[in-house]
N, C-alpha and C. Protein backbone atom coordinates (compact mmCIF):
# COMPACT_ATOMS: atom_id res chain seq x y z
N UNK A 1 0.85 -1.18 0.00
CA UNK A 1 0.00 0.00 0.00
C UNK A 1 0.89 1.24 0.00
N UNK A 2 0.42 2.29 -0.58
CA UNK A 2 1.20 3.52 -0.70
C UNK A 2 0.77 4.56 0.33
N UNK A 3 1.63 5.52 0.54
CA UNK A 3 1.32 6.61 1.45
C UNK A 3 0.93 7.88 0.73
N UNK A 4 0.64 7.80 -0.54
CA UNK A 4 0.28 8.99 -1.31
C UNK A 4 -1.18 9.33 -1.04
N UNK A 5 -1.40 10.58 -0.68
CA UNK A 5 -2.77 11.04 -0.42
C UNK A 5 -3.21 11.98 -1.52
N UNK A 6 -4.49 12.18 -1.62
CA UNK A 6 -5.07 13.08 -2.61
C UNK A 6 -4.42 14.45 -2.54
N UNK A 7 -4.21 14.95 -1.34
CA UNK A 7 -3.62 16.28 -1.16
C UNK A 7 -2.21 16.35 -1.73
N UNK A 8 -1.45 15.24 -1.63
CA UNK A 8 -0.09 15.19 -2.18
C UNK A 8 -0.12 15.35 -3.70
N UNK A 9 -1.05 14.66 -4.32
CA UNK A 9 -1.16 14.71 -5.78
C UNK A 9 -1.58 16.11 -6.24
N UNK A 10 -2.58 16.67 -5.57
CA UNK A 10 -3.06 18.01 -5.93
C UNK A 10 -1.95 19.03 -5.75
N UNK A 11 -1.23 18.96 -4.66
CA UNK A 11 -0.14 19.90 -4.39
C UNK A 11 0.94 19.81 -5.47
N UNK A 12 1.30 18.59 -5.84
CA UNK A 12 2.32 18.40 -6.87
C UNK A 12 1.86 18.95 -8.21
N UNK A 13 0.62 18.64 -8.59
CA UNK A 13 0.09 19.15 -9.86
C UNK A 13 0.02 20.68 -9.86
N UNK A 14 -0.35 21.28 -8.73
CA UNK A 14 -0.40 22.73 -8.64
C UNK A 14 0.99 23.34 -8.76
N UNK A 15 1.97 22.74 -8.10
CA UNK A 15 3.33 23.30 -8.15
C UNK A 15 3.93 23.20 -9.55
N UNK A 16 3.49 22.21 -10.33
CA UNK A 16 3.97 22.06 -11.70
C UNK A 16 3.06 22.77 -12.71
N UNK A 17 2.05 23.47 -12.20
CA UNK A 17 1.08 24.19 -13.03
C UNK A 17 0.42 23.25 -14.04
N UNK A 18 0.03 22.08 -13.56
CA UNK A 18 -0.56 21.06 -14.43
C UNK A 18 -2.03 20.79 -14.12
N UNK A 19 -2.65 21.66 -13.34
CA UNK A 19 -4.06 21.47 -13.05
C UNK A 19 -4.78 22.76 -13.44
N UNK A 20 -5.90 22.60 -14.13
CA UNK A 20 -6.67 23.74 -14.64
C UNK A 20 -8.13 23.59 -14.26
N UNK A 21 -8.82 24.71 -14.21
CA UNK A 21 -10.27 24.72 -13.98
C UNK A 21 -10.91 24.95 -15.33
N UNK A 22 -11.68 23.97 -15.82
CA UNK A 22 -12.26 24.05 -17.15
C UNK A 22 -13.68 23.51 -17.13
N UNK A 23 -14.61 24.30 -17.63
CA UNK A 23 -16.02 23.92 -17.68
C UNK A 23 -16.54 23.45 -16.33
N UNK A 24 -16.15 24.17 -15.29
CA UNK A 24 -16.64 23.88 -13.95
C UNK A 24 -15.97 22.74 -13.23
N UNK A 25 -14.89 22.21 -13.80
CA UNK A 25 -14.19 21.09 -13.18
C UNK A 25 -12.69 21.32 -13.18
N UNK A 26 -12.00 20.68 -12.25
CA UNK A 26 -10.55 20.69 -12.27
C UNK A 26 -10.10 19.55 -13.16
N UNK A 27 -9.18 19.85 -14.06
CA UNK A 27 -8.66 18.83 -14.98
C UNK A 27 -7.14 18.87 -14.98
N UNK A 28 -6.52 17.72 -15.22
CA UNK A 28 -5.08 17.65 -15.36
C UNK A 28 -4.76 18.06 -16.80
N UNK A 29 -3.85 18.99 -16.93
CA UNK A 29 -3.53 19.58 -18.21
C UNK A 29 -2.02 19.54 -18.40
N UNK A 30 -1.55 18.76 -19.36
CA UNK A 30 -0.12 18.62 -19.58
C UNK A 30 0.19 18.82 -21.06
N UNK A 31 1.05 19.75 -21.35
CA UNK A 31 1.48 19.98 -22.71
C UNK A 31 2.73 19.15 -22.98
N UNK A 32 2.82 18.58 -24.17
CA UNK A 32 3.98 17.76 -24.52
C UNK A 32 5.28 18.56 -24.39
N UNK A 33 5.24 19.84 -24.79
CA UNK A 33 6.43 20.70 -24.67
C UNK A 33 6.88 20.82 -23.22
N UNK A 34 5.93 20.92 -22.31
CA UNK A 34 6.26 21.01 -20.88
C UNK A 34 7.01 19.77 -20.43
N UNK A 35 6.51 18.60 -20.82
CA UNK A 35 7.16 17.35 -20.41
C UNK A 35 8.57 17.26 -20.96
N UNK A 36 8.75 17.62 -22.22
CA UNK A 36 10.09 17.58 -22.81
C UNK A 36 11.04 18.52 -22.07
N UNK A 37 10.56 19.74 -21.79
CA UNK A 37 11.39 20.72 -21.08
C UNK A 37 11.73 20.23 -19.67
N UNK A 38 10.73 19.70 -18.97
CA UNK A 38 10.95 19.21 -17.60
C UNK A 38 11.98 18.08 -17.59
N UNK A 39 11.82 17.15 -18.51
CA UNK A 39 12.74 16.01 -18.54
C UNK A 39 14.15 16.43 -18.92
N UNK A 40 14.28 17.37 -19.83
CA UNK A 40 15.63 17.84 -20.19
C UNK A 40 16.27 18.60 -19.03
N UNK A 41 15.48 19.36 -18.27
CA UNK A 41 16.02 20.06 -17.10
C UNK A 41 16.51 19.06 -16.05
N UNK A 42 15.75 18.00 -15.85
CA UNK A 42 16.14 16.99 -14.87
C UNK A 42 17.43 16.29 -15.31
N UNK A 43 17.53 16.05 -16.59
CA UNK A 43 18.74 15.41 -17.13
C UNK A 43 19.94 16.34 -16.96
N UNK A 44 19.72 17.63 -17.25
CA UNK A 44 20.79 18.63 -17.12
C UNK A 44 21.26 18.73 -15.68
N UNK A 45 20.32 18.64 -14.75
CA UNK A 45 20.64 18.71 -13.32
C UNK A 45 21.18 17.38 -12.80
N UNK A 46 21.23 16.38 -13.69
CA UNK A 46 21.70 15.03 -13.36
C UNK A 46 20.86 14.39 -12.26
N UNK A 47 19.55 14.68 -12.32
CA UNK A 47 18.63 14.06 -11.38
C UNK A 47 18.07 12.79 -12.01
N UNK A 48 17.98 11.76 -11.22
CA UNK A 48 17.44 10.50 -11.71
C UNK A 48 15.92 10.60 -11.79
N UNK A 49 15.38 10.31 -12.97
CA UNK A 49 13.93 10.29 -13.13
C UNK A 49 13.40 8.96 -12.63
N UNK A 50 12.34 9.02 -11.88
CA UNK A 50 11.72 7.80 -11.35
C UNK A 50 10.41 7.59 -12.10
N UNK A 51 10.41 6.62 -12.97
CA UNK A 51 9.22 6.33 -13.76
C UNK A 51 8.51 5.11 -13.18
N UNK A 52 7.21 5.08 -13.34
CA UNK A 52 6.40 3.96 -12.84
C UNK A 52 6.07 3.01 -13.97
N UNK A 53 6.07 1.75 -13.65
CA UNK A 53 5.59 0.74 -14.58
C UNK A 53 4.13 0.48 -14.23
N UNK A 54 3.24 0.76 -15.17
CA UNK A 54 1.80 0.66 -14.93
C UNK A 54 1.33 -0.68 -14.41
N UNK A 55 2.07 -1.75 -14.71
CA UNK A 55 1.62 -3.07 -14.26
C UNK A 55 1.71 -3.21 -12.74
N UNK A 56 2.44 -2.32 -12.07
CA UNK A 56 2.55 -2.38 -10.62
C UNK A 56 1.58 -1.45 -9.92
N UNK A 57 0.77 -0.72 -10.67
CA UNK A 57 -0.18 0.22 -10.08
C UNK A 57 -1.56 -0.40 -10.00
N UNK A 58 -2.21 -0.15 -8.89
CA UNK A 58 -3.58 -0.62 -8.71
C UNK A 58 -4.36 0.52 -8.09
N UNK A 59 -5.53 0.81 -8.65
CA UNK A 59 -6.32 1.91 -8.12
C UNK A 59 -7.79 1.54 -8.14
N UNK A 60 -8.44 1.81 -7.04
CA UNK A 60 -9.87 1.59 -6.92
C UNK A 60 -10.48 2.92 -6.51
N UNK A 61 -11.49 3.41 -7.24
CA UNK A 61 -12.11 4.69 -6.86
C UNK A 61 -12.61 4.66 -5.42
N UNK A 62 -12.53 5.79 -4.77
CA UNK A 62 -12.91 5.91 -3.37
C UNK A 62 -14.33 5.39 -3.13
N UNK A 63 -15.25 5.70 -4.03
CA UNK A 63 -16.64 5.26 -3.89
C UNK A 63 -16.73 3.73 -3.88
N UNK A 64 -15.91 3.08 -4.68
CA UNK A 64 -15.91 1.61 -4.72
C UNK A 64 -15.34 1.03 -3.43
N UNK A 65 -14.31 1.66 -2.88
CA UNK A 65 -13.72 1.17 -1.63
C UNK A 65 -14.74 1.25 -0.51
N UNK A 66 -15.50 2.36 -0.49
CA UNK A 66 -16.52 2.53 0.55
C UNK A 66 -17.59 1.45 0.50
N UNK A 67 -17.95 1.04 -0.72
CA UNK A 67 -18.95 0.00 -0.91
C UNK A 67 -18.41 -1.38 -0.52
N UNK A 68 -17.08 -1.48 -0.48
CA UNK A 68 -16.46 -2.76 -0.21
C UNK A 68 -16.43 -3.65 -1.44
N UNK A 69 -16.62 -3.02 -2.61
CA UNK A 69 -16.72 -3.76 -3.86
C UNK A 69 -15.43 -4.44 -4.30
N UNK A 70 -14.36 -3.69 -4.53
CA UNK A 70 -13.17 -4.27 -5.14
C UNK A 70 -12.00 -4.29 -4.17
N UNK A 71 -12.20 -4.23 -2.90
CA UNK A 71 -11.10 -4.23 -1.95
C UNK A 71 -10.56 -2.84 -1.72
N UNK A 72 -9.49 -2.75 -0.96
CA UNK A 72 -8.98 -1.43 -0.59
C UNK A 72 -8.14 -0.80 -1.67
N UNK A 73 -7.44 -1.60 -2.51
CA UNK A 73 -6.64 -1.03 -3.58
C UNK A 73 -5.51 -0.15 -3.06
N UNK A 74 -4.79 0.48 -3.94
CA UNK A 74 -3.69 1.36 -3.55
C UNK A 74 -4.24 2.72 -3.19
N UNK A 75 -3.44 3.47 -2.48
CA UNK A 75 -3.82 4.84 -2.18
C UNK A 75 -4.16 5.08 -0.74
N UNK A 76 -4.36 4.02 0.02
CA UNK A 76 -4.65 4.22 1.44
C UNK A 76 -5.97 4.91 1.65
N UNK A 77 -6.15 5.48 2.83
CA UNK A 77 -7.41 6.18 3.11
C UNK A 77 -7.24 7.65 2.80
N UNK A 78 -8.29 8.24 2.29
CA UNK A 78 -8.26 9.67 1.93
C UNK A 78 -8.79 10.51 3.04
């Protein structure tokens, strides 16, 4: 199980300016140019990028966890 909370994700997206308010909702907004620039900066700074392999990720929506439908999944309690 992970220790990542909703607030951690929101804070990270806000600090990277990757969350927008559009049509009454918050959406994740990422431009390809931004990703290229970010990755080149990390490489220039000689920082190791930590990428995730999707096969190791498991996520169950909070509403489903409350119902007890698909188990607790990753993400811990919100």
